[in-house]
Amino acid sequence: RGRLLEVNENILQDPRLLQRKPSTEGYV
């Protein structure tokens, strides 16, 4: 539970970030 501060718009342009670097640049 909490307030959404931001979503990672970078994964929209490069979805592979989600798979290659899930804990860093590929966060949700």
mmCIF file of all heavy atoms, coordinates in Angstrom:
data_MODEL
# 
_entry.id   MODEL 
# 
loop_
_atom_site.group_PDB 
_atom_site.id 
_atom_site.type_symbol 
_atom_site.label_atom_id 
_atom_site.label_alt_id 
_atom_site.label_comp_id 
_atom_site.label_asym_id 
_atom_site.label_entity_id 
_atom_site.label_seq_id 
_atom_site.pdbx_PDB_ins_code 
_atom_site.Cartn_x 
_atom_site.Cartn_y 
_atom_site.Cartn_z 
_atom_site.occupancy 
_atom_site.B_iso_or_equiv 
_atom_site.pdbx_formal_charge 
_atom_site.auth_seq_id 
_atom_site.auth_comp_id 
_atom_site.auth_asym_id 
_atom_site.auth_atom_id 
_atom_site.pdbx_PDB_model_num 
ATOM 1   N N   . ARG A 1 1  ? 0.856  -1.188  0.000   1.00 0.00 ? 1  ARG A N   1 
ATOM 2   C CA  . ARG A 1 1  ? 0.000  0.000   0.000   1.00 0.00 ? 1  ARG A CA  1 
ATOM 3   C C   . ARG A 1 1  ? 0.889  1.233   0.000   1.00 0.00 ? 1  ARG A C   1 
ATOM 4   O O   . ARG A 1 1  ? 1.887  1.277   0.710   1.00 0.00 ? 1  ARG A O   1 
ATOM 5   C CB  . ARG A 1 1  ? -0.869 0.020   1.263   1.00 0.00 ? 1  ARG A CB  1 
ATOM 6   C CG  . ARG A 1 1  ? -1.938 -1.042  1.280   1.00 0.00 ? 1  ARG A CG  1 
ATOM 7   C CD  . ARG A 1 1  ? -2.637 -1.117  2.632   1.00 0.00 ? 1  ARG A CD  1 
ATOM 8   N NE  . ARG A 1 1  ? -2.926 0.156   3.256   1.00 0.00 ? 1  ARG A NE  1 
ATOM 9   C CZ  . ARG A 1 1  ? -4.073 0.834   3.112   1.00 0.00 ? 1  ARG A CZ  1 
ATOM 10  N NH1 . ARG A 1 1  ? -5.021 0.339   2.362   1.00 0.00 ? 1  ARG A NH1 1 
ATOM 11  N NH2 . ARG A 1 1  ? -4.267 1.976   3.727   1.00 0.00 ? 1  ARG A NH2 1 
ATOM 12  N N   . GLY A 1 2  ? 0.518  2.217   -0.788  1.00 0.00 ? 2  GLY A N   1 
ATOM 13  C CA  . GLY A 1 2  ? 1.293  3.446   -0.789  1.00 0.00 ? 2  GLY A CA  1 
ATOM 14  C C   . GLY A 1 2  ? 0.924  4.342   -1.953  1.00 0.00 ? 2  GLY A C   1 
ATOM 15  O O   . GLY A 1 2  ? 0.007  4.063   -2.727  1.00 0.00 ? 2  GLY A O   1 
ATOM 16  N N   . ARG A 1 3  ? 1.665  5.411   -2.081  1.00 0.00 ? 3  ARG A N   1 
ATOM 17  C CA  . ARG A 1 3  ? 1.442  6.402   -3.123  1.00 0.00 ? 3  ARG A CA  1 
ATOM 18  C C   . ARG A 1 3  ? 2.414  6.142   -4.271  1.00 0.00 ? 3  ARG A C   1 
ATOM 19  O O   . ARG A 1 3  ? 3.606  5.978   -4.054  1.00 0.00 ? 3  ARG A O   1 
ATOM 20  C CB  . ARG A 1 3  ? 1.669  7.799   -2.538  1.00 0.00 ? 3  ARG A CB  1 
ATOM 21  C CG  . ARG A 1 3  ? 1.144  8.900   -3.388  1.00 0.00 ? 3  ARG A CG  1 
ATOM 22  C CD  . ARG A 1 3  ? 1.028  10.197  -2.631  1.00 0.00 ? 3  ARG A CD  1 
ATOM 23  N NE  . ARG A 1 3  ? 0.141  10.160  -1.475  1.00 0.00 ? 3  ARG A NE  1 
ATOM 24  C CZ  . ARG A 1 3  ? -1.182 10.201  -1.516  1.00 0.00 ? 3  ARG A CZ  1 
ATOM 25  N NH1 . ARG A 1 3  ? -1.794 10.246  -2.676  1.00 0.00 ? 3  ARG A NH1 1 
ATOM 26  N NH2 . ARG A 1 3  ? -1.901 10.191  -0.425  1.00 0.00 ? 3  ARG A NH2 1 
ATOM 27  N N   . LEU A 1 4  ? 1.875  6.083   -5.481  1.00 0.00 ? 4  LEU A N   1 
ATOM 28  C CA  . LEU A 1 4  ? 2.706  5.865   -6.666  1.00 0.00 ? 4  LEU A CA  1 
ATOM 29  C C   . LEU A 1 4  ? 3.511  7.129   -6.951  1.00 0.00 ? 4  LEU A C   1 
ATOM 30  O O   . LEU A 1 4  ? 2.942  8.193   -7.175  1.00 0.00 ? 4  LEU A O   1 
ATOM 31  C CB  . LEU A 1 4  ? 1.819  5.517   -7.867  1.00 0.00 ? 4  LEU A CB  1 
ATOM 32  C CG  . LEU A 1 4  ? 2.531  5.246   -9.187  1.00 0.00 ? 4  LEU A CG  1 
ATOM 33  C CD1 . LEU A 1 4  ? 3.436  4.017   -9.081  1.00 0.00 ? 4  LEU A CD1 1 
ATOM 34  C CD2 . LEU A 1 4  ? 1.513  5.056   -10.309 1.00 0.00 ? 4  LEU A CD2 1 
ATOM 35  N N   . LEU A 1 5  ? 4.838  7.023   -6.909  1.00 0.00 ? 5  LEU A N   1 
ATOM 36  C CA  . LEU A 1 5  ? 5.684  8.174   -7.188  1.00 0.00 ? 5  LEU A CA  1 
ATOM 37  C C   . LEU A 1 5  ? 6.025  8.271   -8.665  1.00 0.00 ? 5  LEU A C   1 
ATOM 38  O O   . LEU A 1 5  ? 6.025  9.355   -9.241  1.00 0.00 ? 5  LEU A O   1 
ATOM 39  C CB  . LEU A 1 5  ? 6.985  8.111   -6.376  1.00 0.00 ? 5  LEU A CB  1 
ATOM 40  C CG  . LEU A 1 5  ? 6.846  8.174   -4.860  1.00 0.00 ? 5  LEU A CG  1 
ATOM 41  C CD1 . LEU A 1 5  ? 8.217  8.231   -4.218  1.00 0.00 ? 5  LEU A CD1 1 
ATOM 42  C CD2 . LEU A 1 5  ? 6.008  9.362   -4.430  1.00 0.00 ? 5  LEU A CD2 1 
ATOM 43  N N   . GLU A 1 6  ? 6.358  7.126   -9.259  1.00 0.00 ? 6  GLU A N   1 
ATOM 44  C CA  . GLU A 1 6  ? 6.686  7.138   -10.682 1.00 0.00 ? 6  GLU A CA  1 
ATOM 45  C C   . GLU A 1 6  ? 6.599  5.743   -11.269 1.00 0.00 ? 6  GLU A C   1 
ATOM 46  O O   . GLU A 1 6  ? 6.679  4.752   -10.551 1.00 0.00 ? 6  GLU A O   1 
ATOM 47  C CB  . GLU A 1 6  ? 8.084  7.712   -10.931 1.00 0.00 ? 6  GLU A CB  1 
ATOM 48  C CG  . GLU A 1 6  ? 9.223  6.789   -10.555 1.00 0.00 ? 6  GLU A CG  1 
ATOM 49  C CD  . GLU A 1 6  ? 10.586 7.356   -10.937 1.00 0.00 ? 6  GLU A CD  1 
ATOM 50  O OE1 . GLU A 1 6  ? 10.956 8.410   -10.413 1.00 0.00 ? 6  GLU A OE1 1 
ATOM 51  O OE2 . GLU A 1 6  ? 11.269 6.708   -11.747 1.00 0.00 ? 6  GLU A OE2 1 
ATOM 52  N N   . VAL A 1 7  ? 6.413  5.719   -12.575 1.00 0.00 ? 7  VAL A N   1 
ATOM 53  C CA  . VAL A 1 7  ? 6.494  4.470   -13.323 1.00 0.00 ? 7  VAL A CA  1 
ATOM 54  C C   . VAL A 1 7  ? 7.689  4.598   -14.256 1.00 0.00 ? 7  VAL A C   1 
ATOM 55  O O   . VAL A 1 7  ? 8.102  5.699   -14.609 1.00 0.00 ? 7  VAL A O   1 
ATOM 56  C CB  . VAL A 1 7  ? 5.198  4.181   -14.121 1.00 0.00 ? 7  VAL A CB  1 
ATOM 57  C CG1 . VAL A 1 7  ? 4.036  3.920   -13.183 1.00 0.00 ? 7  VAL A CG1 1 
ATOM 58  C CG2 . VAL A 1 7  ? 4.869  5.289   -15.085 1.00 0.00 ? 7  VAL A CG2 1 
ATOM 59  N N   . ASN A 1 8  ? 8.243  3.479   -14.627 1.00 0.00 ? 8  ASN A N   1 
ATOM 60  C CA  . ASN A 1 8  ? 9.434  3.470   -15.473 1.00 0.00 ? 8  ASN A CA  1 
ATOM 61  C C   . ASN A 1 8  ? 9.021  3.530   -16.942 1.00 0.00 ? 8  ASN A C   1 
ATOM 62  O O   . ASN A 1 8  ? 8.688  2.514   -17.540 1.00 0.00 ? 8  ASN A O   1 
ATOM 63  C CB  . ASN A 1 8  ? 10.257 2.220   -15.188 1.00 0.00 ? 8  ASN A CB  1 
ATOM 64  C CG  . ASN A 1 8  ? 11.567 2.204   -15.934 1.00 0.00 ? 8  ASN A CG  1 
ATOM 65  O OD1 . ASN A 1 8  ? 11.896 3.134   -16.666 1.00 0.00 ? 8  ASN A OD1 1 
ATOM 66  N ND2 . ASN A 1 8  ? 12.321 1.140   -15.751 1.00 0.00 ? 8  ASN A ND2 1 
ATOM 67  N N   . GLU A 1 9  ? 9.062  4.723   -17.513 1.00 0.00 ? 9  GLU A N   1 
ATOM 68  C CA  . GLU A 1 9  ? 8.683  4.885   -18.916 1.00 0.00 ? 9  GLU A CA  1 
ATOM 69  C C   . GLU A 1 9  ? 9.750  4.338   -19.865 1.00 0.00 ? 9  GLU A C   1 
ATOM 70  O O   . GLU A 1 9  ? 9.463  4.085   -21.029 1.00 0.00 ? 9  GLU A O   1 
ATOM 71  C CB  . GLU A 1 9  ? 8.390  6.352   -19.217 1.00 0.00 ? 9  GLU A CB  1 
ATOM 72  C CG  . GLU A 1 9  ? 7.166  6.850   -18.466 1.00 0.00 ? 9  GLU A CG  1 
ATOM 73  C CD  . GLU A 1 9  ? 6.790  8.281   -18.803 1.00 0.00 ? 9  GLU A CD  1 
ATOM 74  O OE1 . GLU A 1 9  ? 6.912  8.662   -19.989 1.00 0.00 ? 9  GLU A OE1 1 
ATOM 75  O OE2 . GLU A 1 9  ? 6.378  9.003   -17.884 1.00 0.00 ? 9  GLU A OE2 1 
ATOM 76  N N   . ASN A 1 10 ? 10.962 4.120   -19.374 1.00 0.00 ? 10 ASN A N   1 
ATOM 77  C CA  . ASN A 1 10 ? 12.035 3.578   -20.223 1.00 0.00 ? 10 ASN A CA  1 
ATOM 78  C C   . ASN A 1 10 ? 11.720 2.174   -20.730 1.00 0.00 ? 10 ASN A C   1 
ATOM 79  O O   . ASN A 1 10 ? 12.134 1.806   -21.823 1.00 0.00 ? 10 ASN A O   1 
ATOM 80  C CB  . ASN A 1 10 ? 13.371 3.569   -19.472 1.00 0.00 ? 10 ASN A CB  1 
ATOM 81  C CG  . ASN A 1 10 ? 13.856 4.958   -19.166 1.00 0.00 ? 10 ASN A CG  1 
ATOM 82  O OD1 . ASN A 1 10 ? 13.578 5.905   -19.907 1.00 0.00 ? 10 ASN A OD1 1 
ATOM 83  N ND2 . ASN A 1 10 ? 14.566 5.101   -18.065 1.00 0.00 ? 10 ASN A ND2 1 
ATOM 84  N N   . ILE A 1 11 ? 10.968 1.392   -19.936 1.00 0.00 ? 11 ILE A N   1 
ATOM 85  C CA  . ILE A 1 11 ? 10.656 0.033   -20.386 1.00 0.00 ? 11 ILE A CA  1 
ATOM 86  C C   . ILE A 1 11 ? 9.614  0.034   -21.504 1.00 0.00 ? 11 ILE A C   1 
ATOM 87  O O   . ILE A 1 11 ? 9.443  -0.970  -22.180 1.00 0.00 ? 11 ILE A O   1 
ATOM 88  C CB  . ILE A 1 11 ? 10.226 -0.902  -19.230 1.00 0.00 ? 11 ILE A CB  1 
ATOM 89  C CG1 . ILE A 1 11 ? 8.963  -0.410  -18.525 1.00 0.00 ? 11 ILE A CG1 1 
ATOM 90  C CG2 . ILE A 1 11 ? 11.368 -1.103  -18.252 1.00 0.00 ? 11 ILE A CG2 1 
ATOM 91  C CD1 . ILE A 1 11 ? 8.418  -1.356  -17.470 1.00 0.00 ? 11 ILE A CD1 1 
ATOM 92  N N   . LEU A 1 12 ? 8.937  1.167   -21.703 1.00 0.00 ? 12 LEU A N   1 
ATOM 93  C CA  . LEU A 1 12 ? 8.003  1.264   -22.831 1.00 0.00 ? 12 LEU A CA  1 
ATOM 94  C C   . LEU A 1 12 ? 8.768  1.327   -24.143 1.00 0.00 ? 12 LEU A C   1 
ATOM 95  O O   . LEU A 1 12 ? 8.367  0.731   -25.141 1.00 0.00 ? 12 LEU A O   1 
ATOM 96  C CB  . LEU A 1 12 ? 7.100  2.495   -22.693 1.00 0.00 ? 12 LEU A CB  1 
ATOM 97  C CG  . LEU A 1 12 ? 6.174  2.510   -21.475 1.00 0.00 ? 12 LEU A CG  1 
ATOM 98  C CD1 . LEU A 1 12 ? 5.435  3.830   -21.391 1.00 0.00 ? 12 LEU A CD1 1 
ATOM 99  C CD2 . LEU A 1 12 ? 5.218  1.344   -21.515 1.00 0.00 ? 12 LEU A CD2 1 
ATOM 100 N N   . GLN A 1 13 ? 9.888  2.064   -24.149 1.00 0.00 ? 13 GLN A N   1 
ATOM 101 C CA  . GLN A 1 13 ? 10.716 2.172   -25.352 1.00 0.00 ? 13 GLN A CA  1 
ATOM 102 C C   . GLN A 1 13 ? 11.591 0.933   -25.554 1.00 0.00 ? 13 GLN A C   1 
ATOM 103 O O   . GLN A 1 13 ? 11.830 0.524   -26.675 1.00 0.00 ? 13 GLN A O   1 
ATOM 104 C CB  . GLN A 1 13 ? 11.632 3.419   -25.285 1.00 0.00 ? 13 GLN A CB  1 
ATOM 105 C CG  . GLN A 1 13 ? 10.945 4.712   -25.646 1.00 0.00 ? 13 GLN A CG  1 
ATOM 106 C CD  . GLN A 1 13 ? 10.061 5.242   -24.527 1.00 0.00 ? 13 GLN A CD  1 
ATOM 107 O OE1 . GLN A 1 13 ? 10.449 5.234   -23.371 1.00 0.00 ? 13 GLN A OE1 1 
ATOM 108 N NE2 . GLN A 1 13 ? 8.862  5.663   -24.871 1.00 0.00 ? 13 GLN A NE2 1 
ATOM 109 N N   . ASP A 1 14 ? 12.094 0.371   -24.461 1.00 0.00 ? 14 ASP A N   1 
ATOM 110 C CA  . ASP A 1 14 ? 12.972 -0.801  -24.544 1.00 0.00 ? 14 ASP A CA  1 
ATOM 111 C C   . ASP A 1 14 ? 12.498 -1.861  -23.544 1.00 0.00 ? 14 ASP A C   1 
ATOM 112 O O   . ASP A 1 14 ? 13.023 -1.945  -22.434 1.00 0.00 ? 14 ASP A O   1 
ATOM 113 C CB  . ASP A 1 14 ? 14.423 -0.396  -24.264 1.00 0.00 ? 14 ASP A CB  1 
ATOM 114 C CG  . ASP A 1 14 ? 15.400 -1.541  -24.466 1.00 0.00 ? 14 ASP A CG  1 
ATOM 115 O OD1 . ASP A 1 14 ? 14.979 -2.634  -24.917 1.00 0.00 ? 14 ASP A OD1 1 
ATOM 116 O OD2 . ASP A 1 14 ? 16.602 -1.352  -24.173 1.00 0.00 ? 14 ASP A OD2 1 
ATOM 117 N N   . PRO A 1 15 ? 11.501 -2.666  -23.920 1.00 0.00 ? 15 PRO A N   1 
ATOM 118 C CA  . PRO A 1 15 ? 10.957 -3.669  -22.995 1.00 0.00 ? 15 PRO A CA  1 
ATOM 119 C C   . PRO A 1 15 ? 11.991 -4.698  -22.521 1.00 0.00 ? 15 PRO A C   1 
ATOM 120 O O   . PRO A 1 15 ? 11.828 -5.301  -21.467 1.00 0.00 ? 15 PRO A O   1 
ATOM 121 C CB  . PRO A 1 15 ? 9.854  -4.352  -23.812 1.00 0.00 ? 15 PRO A CB  1 
ATOM 122 C CG  . PRO A 1 15 ? 9.511  -3.407  -24.888 1.00 0.00 ? 15 PRO A CG  1 
ATOM 123 C CD  . PRO A 1 15 ? 10.769 -2.638  -25.181 1.00 0.00 ? 15 PRO A CD  1 
ATOM 124 N N   . ARG A 1 16 ? 13.058 -4.884  -23.284 1.00 0.00 ? 16 ARG A N   1 
ATOM 125 C CA  . ARG A 1 16 ? 14.075 -5.865  -22.884 1.00 0.00 ? 16 ARG A CA  1 
ATOM 126 C C   . ARG A 1 16 ? 14.778 -5.466  -21.593 1.00 0.00 ? 16 ARG A C   1 
ATOM 127 O O   . ARG A 1 16 ? 15.354 -6.316  -20.921 1.00 0.00 ? 16 ARG A O   1 
ATOM 128 C CB  . ARG A 1 16 ? 15.076 -6.070  -24.010 1.00 0.00 ? 16 ARG A CB  1 
ATOM 129 C CG  . ARG A 1 16 ? 14.439 -6.778  -25.221 1.00 0.00 ? 16 ARG A CG  1 
ATOM 130 C CD  . ARG A 1 16 ? 15.370 -6.812  -26.372 1.00 0.00 ? 16 ARG A CD  1 
ATOM 131 N NE  . ARG A 1 16 ? 15.675 -5.420  -26.717 1.00 0.00 ? 16 ARG A NE  1 
ATOM 132 C CZ  . ARG A 1 16 ? 16.571 -5.039  -27.595 1.00 0.00 ? 16 ARG A CZ  1 
ATOM 133 N NH1 . ARG A 1 16 ? 17.261 -5.927  -28.245 1.00 0.00 ? 16 ARG A NH1 1 
ATOM 134 N NH2 . ARG A 1 16 ? 16.783 -3.767  -27.851 1.00 0.00 ? 16 ARG A NH2 1 
ATOM 135 N N   . LEU A 1 17 ? 14.737 -4.180  -21.227 1.00 0.00 ? 17 LEU A N   1 
ATOM 136 C CA  . LEU A 1 17 ? 15.320 -3.746  -19.945 1.00 0.00 ? 17 LEU A CA  1 
ATOM 137 C C   . LEU A 1 17 ? 14.698 -4.510  -18.785 1.00 0.00 ? 17 LEU A C   1 
ATOM 138 O O   . LEU A 1 17 ? 15.373 -4.838  -17.814 1.00 0.00 ? 17 LEU A O   1 
ATOM 139 C CB  . LEU A 1 17 ? 15.087 -2.250  -19.724 1.00 0.00 ? 17 LEU A CB  1 
ATOM 140 C CG  . LEU A 1 17 ? 16.017 -1.271  -20.397 1.00 0.00 ? 17 LEU A CG  1 
ATOM 141 C CD1 . LEU A 1 17 ? 15.546 0.157   -20.147 1.00 0.00 ? 17 LEU A CD1 1 
ATOM 142 C CD2 . LEU A 1 17 ? 17.435 -1.455  -19.929 1.00 0.00 ? 17 LEU A CD2 1 
ATOM 143 N N   . LEU A 1 18 ? 13.401 -4.776  -18.896 1.00 0.00 ? 18 LEU A N   1 
ATOM 144 C CA  . LEU A 1 18 ? 12.675 -5.505  -17.860 1.00 0.00 ? 18 LEU A CA  1 
ATOM 145 C C   . LEU A 1 18 ? 13.285 -6.890  -17.643 1.00 0.00 ? 18 LEU A C   1 
ATOM 146 O O   . LEU A 1 18 ? 13.324 -7.384  -16.522 1.00 0.00 ? 18 LEU A O   1 
ATOM 147 C CB  . LEU A 1 18 ? 11.209 -5.628  -18.286 1.00 0.00 ? 18 LEU A CB  1 
ATOM 148 C CG  . LEU A 1 18 ? 10.180 -5.988  -17.252 1.00 0.00 ? 18 LEU A CG  1 
ATOM 149 C CD1 . LEU A 1 18 ? 10.095 -4.933  -16.172 1.00 0.00 ? 18 LEU A CD1 1 
ATOM 150 C CD2 . LEU A 1 18 ? 8.835  -6.145  -17.916 1.00 0.00 ? 18 LEU A CD2 1 
ATOM 151 N N   . GLN A 1 19 ? 13.774 -7.497  -18.701 1.00 0.00 ? 19 GLN A N   1 
ATOM 152 C CA  . GLN A 1 19 ? 14.351 -8.837  -18.606 1.00 0.00 ? 19 GLN A CA  1 
ATOM 153 C C   . GLN A 1 19 ? 15.854 -8.804  -18.339 1.00 0.00 ? 19 GLN A C   1 
ATOM 154 O O   . GLN A 1 19 ? 16.366 -9.642  -17.617 1.00 0.00 ? 19 GLN A O   1 
ATOM 155 C CB  . GLN A 1 19 ? 14.065 -9.602  -19.899 1.00 0.00 ? 19 GLN A CB  1 
ATOM 156 C CG  . GLN A 1 19 ? 12.585 -9.855  -20.094 1.00 0.00 ? 19 GLN A CG  1 
ATOM 157 C CD  . GLN A 1 19 ? 12.249 -10.346 -21.477 1.00 0.00 ? 19 GLN A CD  1 
ATOM 158 O OE1 . GLN A 1 19 ? 12.697 -9.784  -22.472 1.00 0.00 ? 19 GLN A OE1 1 
ATOM 159 N NE2 . GLN A 1 19 ? 11.445 -11.395 -21.548 1.00 0.00 ? 19 GLN A NE2 1 
ATOM 160 N N   . ARG A 1 20 ? 16.550 -7.849  -18.916 1.00 0.00 ? 20 ARG A N   1 
ATOM 161 C CA  . ARG A 1 20 ? 18.006 -7.807  -18.757 1.00 0.00 ? 20 ARG A CA  1 
ATOM 162 C C   . ARG A 1 20 ? 18.447 -7.230  -17.423 1.00 0.00 ? 20 ARG A C   1 
ATOM 163 O O   . ARG A 1 20 ? 19.432 -7.676  -16.848 1.00 0.00 ? 20 ARG A O   1 
ATOM 164 C CB  . ARG A 1 20 ? 18.648 -7.002  -19.888 1.00 0.00 ? 20 ARG A CB  1 
ATOM 165 C CG  . ARG A 1 20 ? 18.659 -7.741  -21.215 1.00 0.00 ? 20 ARG A CG  1 
ATOM 166 C CD  . ARG A 1 20 ? 19.367 -6.931  -22.245 1.00 0.00 ? 20 ARG A CD  1 
ATOM 167 N NE  . ARG A 1 20 ? 18.593 -5.676  -22.376 1.00 0.00 ? 20 ARG A NE  1 
ATOM 168 C CZ  . ARG A 1 20 ? 18.915 -4.660  -23.134 1.00 0.00 ? 20 ARG A CZ  1 
ATOM 169 N NH1 . ARG A 1 20 ? 20.011 -4.685  -23.822 1.00 0.00 ? 20 ARG A NH1 1 
ATOM 170 N NH2 . ARG A 1 20 ? 18.160 -3.595  -23.199 1.00 0.00 ? 20 ARG A NH2 1 
ATOM 171 N N   . LYS A 1 21 ? 17.755 -6.203  -16.955 1.00 0.00 ? 21 LYS A N   1 
ATOM 172 C CA  . LYS A 1 21 ? 18.161 -5.522  -15.716 1.00 0.00 ? 21 LYS A CA  1 
ATOM 173 C C   . LYS A 1 21 ? 16.939 -5.263  -14.833 1.00 0.00 ? 21 LYS A C   1 
ATOM 174 O O   . LYS A 1 21 ? 16.582 -4.116  -14.568 1.00 0.00 ? 21 LYS A O   1 
ATOM 175 C CB  . LYS A 1 21 ? 18.849 -4.200  -16.055 1.00 0.00 ? 21 LYS A CB  1 
ATOM 176 C CG  . LYS A 1 21 ? 20.092 -4.362  -16.878 1.00 0.00 ? 21 LYS A CG  1 
ATOM 177 C CD  . LYS A 1 21 ? 20.708 -3.026  -17.195 1.00 0.00 ? 21 LYS A CD  1 
ATOM 178 C CE  . LYS A 1 21 ? 21.987 -3.217  -17.989 1.00 0.00 ? 21 LYS A CE  1 
ATOM 179 N NZ  . LYS A 1 21 ? 22.645 -1.940  -18.233 1.00 0.00 ? 21 LYS A NZ  1 
ATOM 180 N N   . PRO A 1 22 ? 16.279 -6.327  -14.354 1.00 0.00 ? 22 PRO A N   1 
ATOM 181 C CA  . PRO A 1 22 ? 15.016 -6.141  -13.626 1.00 0.00 ? 22 PRO A CA  1 
ATOM 182 C C   . PRO A 1 22 ? 15.148 -5.361  -12.316 1.00 0.00 ? 22 PRO A C   1 
ATOM 183 O O   . PRO A 1 22 ? 14.211 -4.691  -11.908 1.00 0.00 ? 22 PRO A O   1 
ATOM 184 C CB  . PRO A 1 22 ? 14.525 -7.562  -13.382 1.00 0.00 ? 22 PRO A CB  1 
ATOM 185 C CG  . PRO A 1 22 ? 15.721 -8.419  -13.499 1.00 0.00 ? 22 PRO A CG  1 
ATOM 186 C CD  . PRO A 1 22 ? 16.645 -7.732  -14.458 1.00 0.00 ? 22 PRO A CD  1 
ATOM 187 N N   . SER A 1 23 ? 16.291 -5.442  -11.654 1.00 0.00 ? 23 SER A N   1 
ATOM 188 C CA  . SER A 1 23 ? 16.438 -4.761  -10.355 1.00 0.00 ? 23 SER A CA  1 
ATOM 189 C C   . SER A 1 23 ? 16.942 -3.333  -10.470 1.00 0.00 ? 23 SER A C   1 
ATOM 190 O O   . SER A 1 23 ? 16.942 -2.607  -9.486  1.00 0.00 ? 23 SER A O   1 
ATOM 191 C CB  . SER A 1 23 ? 17.400 -5.539  -9.457  1.00 0.00 ? 23 SER A CB  1 
ATOM 192 O OG  . SER A 1 23 ? 16.849 -6.788  -9.150  1.00 0.00 ? 23 SER A OG  1 
ATOM 193 N N   . THR A 1 24 ? 17.385 -2.944  -11.655 1.00 0.00 ? 24 THR A N   1 
ATOM 194 C CA  . THR A 1 24 ? 17.928 -1.588  -11.797 1.00 0.00 ? 24 THR A CA  1 
ATOM 195 C C   . THR A 1 24 ? 17.132 -0.822  -12.849 1.00 0.00 ? 24 THR A C   1 
ATOM 196 O O   . THR A 1 24 ? 16.070 -0.314  -12.566 1.00 0.00 ? 24 THR A O   1 
ATOM 197 C CB  . THR A 1 24 ? 19.432 -1.623  -12.128 1.00 0.00 ? 24 THR A CB  1 
ATOM 198 O OG1 . THR A 1 24 ? 19.646 -2.434  -13.288 1.00 0.00 ? 24 THR A OG1 1 
ATOM 199 C CG2 . THR A 1 24 ? 20.237 -2.201  -10.969 1.00 0.00 ? 24 THR A CG2 1 
ATOM 200 N N   . GLU A 1 25 ? 17.626 -0.759  -14.056 1.00 0.00 ? 25 GLU A N   1 
ATOM 201 C CA  . GLU A 1 25 ? 16.993 0.037   -15.103 1.00 0.00 ? 25 GLU A CA  1 
ATOM 202 C C   . GLU A 1 25 ? 15.652 -0.537  -15.566 1.00 0.00 ? 25 GLU A C   1 
ATOM 203 O O   . GLU A 1 25 ? 14.860 0.166   -16.181 1.00 0.00 ? 25 GLU A O   1 
ATOM 204 C CB  . GLU A 1 25 ? 17.936 0.157   -16.300 1.00 0.00 ? 25 GLU A CB  1 
ATOM 205 C CG  . GLU A 1 25 ? 19.211 0.908   -15.970 1.00 0.00 ? 25 GLU A CG  1 
ATOM 206 C CD  . GLU A 1 25 ? 20.259 0.733   -17.058 1.00 0.00 ? 25 GLU A CD  1 
ATOM 207 O OE1 . GLU A 1 25 ? 19.921 0.939   -18.233 1.00 0.00 ? 25 GLU A OE1 1 
ATOM 208 O OE2 . GLU A 1 25 ? 21.399 0.390   -16.710 1.00 0.00 ? 25 GLU A OE2 1 
ATOM 209 N N   . GLY A 1 26 ? 15.375 -1.799  -15.264 1.00 0.00 ? 26 GLY A N   1 
ATOM 210 C CA  . GLY A 1 26 ? 14.141 -2.432  -15.701 1.00 0.00 ? 26 GLY A CA  1 
ATOM 211 C C   . GLY A 1 26 ? 13.075 -2.513  -14.626 1.00 0.00 ? 26 GLY A C   1 
ATOM 212 O O   . GLY A 1 26 ? 12.189 -3.356  -14.703 1.00 0.00 ? 26 GLY A O   1 
ATOM 213 N N   . TYR A 1 27 ? 13.149 -1.634  -13.622 1.00 0.00 ? 27 TYR A N   1 
ATOM 214 C CA  . TYR A 1 27 ? 12.123 -1.653  -12.580 1.00 0.00 ? 27 TYR A CA  1 
ATOM 215 C C   . TYR A 1 27 ? 10.769 -1.261  -13.174 1.00 0.00 ? 27 TYR A C   1 
ATOM 216 O O   . TYR A 1 27 ? 10.687 -0.690  -14.255 1.00 0.00 ? 27 TYR A O   1 
ATOM 217 C CB  . TYR A 1 27 ? 12.507 -0.717  -11.427 1.00 0.00 ? 27 TYR A CB  1 
ATOM 218 C CG  . TYR A 1 27 ? 12.436 0.760   -11.776 1.00 0.00 ? 27 TYR A CG  1 
ATOM 219 C CD1 . TYR A 1 27 ? 11.302 1.500   -11.477 1.00 0.00 ? 27 TYR A CD1 1 
ATOM 220 C CD2 . TYR A 1 27 ? 13.500 1.404   -12.392 1.00 0.00 ? 27 TYR A CD2 1 
ATOM 221 C CE1 . TYR A 1 27 ? 11.223 2.846   -11.796 1.00 0.00 ? 27 TYR A CE1 1 
ATOM 222 C CE2 . TYR A 1 27 ? 13.432 2.748   -12.713 1.00 0.00 ? 27 TYR A CE2 1 
ATOM 223 C CZ  . TYR A 1 27 ? 12.292 3.471   -12.411 1.00 0.00 ? 27 TYR A CZ  1 
ATOM 224 O OH  . TYR A 1 27 ? 12.224 4.798   -12.739 1.00 0.00 ? 27 TYR A OH  1 
ATOM 225 N N   . VAL A 1 28 ? 9.695  -1.558  -12.457 1.00 0.00 ? 28 VAL A N   1 
ATOM 226 C CA  . VAL A 1 28 ? 8.350  -1.261  -12.946 1.00 0.00 ? 28 VAL A CA  1 
ATOM 227 C C   . VAL A 1 28 ? 7.845  0.070   -12.405 1.00 0.00 ? 28 VAL A C   1 
ATOM 228 O O   . VAL A 1 28 ? 7.349  0.904   -13.156 1.00 0.00 ? 28 VAL A O   1 
ATOM 229 C CB  . VAL A 1 28 ? 7.364  -2.396  -12.573 1.00 0.00 ? 28 VAL A CB  1 
ATOM 230 C CG1 . VAL A 1 28 ? 5.947  -2.050  -12.989 1.00 0.00 ? 28 VAL A CG1 1 
ATOM 231 C CG2 . VAL A 1 28 ? 7.806  -3.707  -13.216 1.00 0.00 ? 28 VAL A CG2 1 
# 
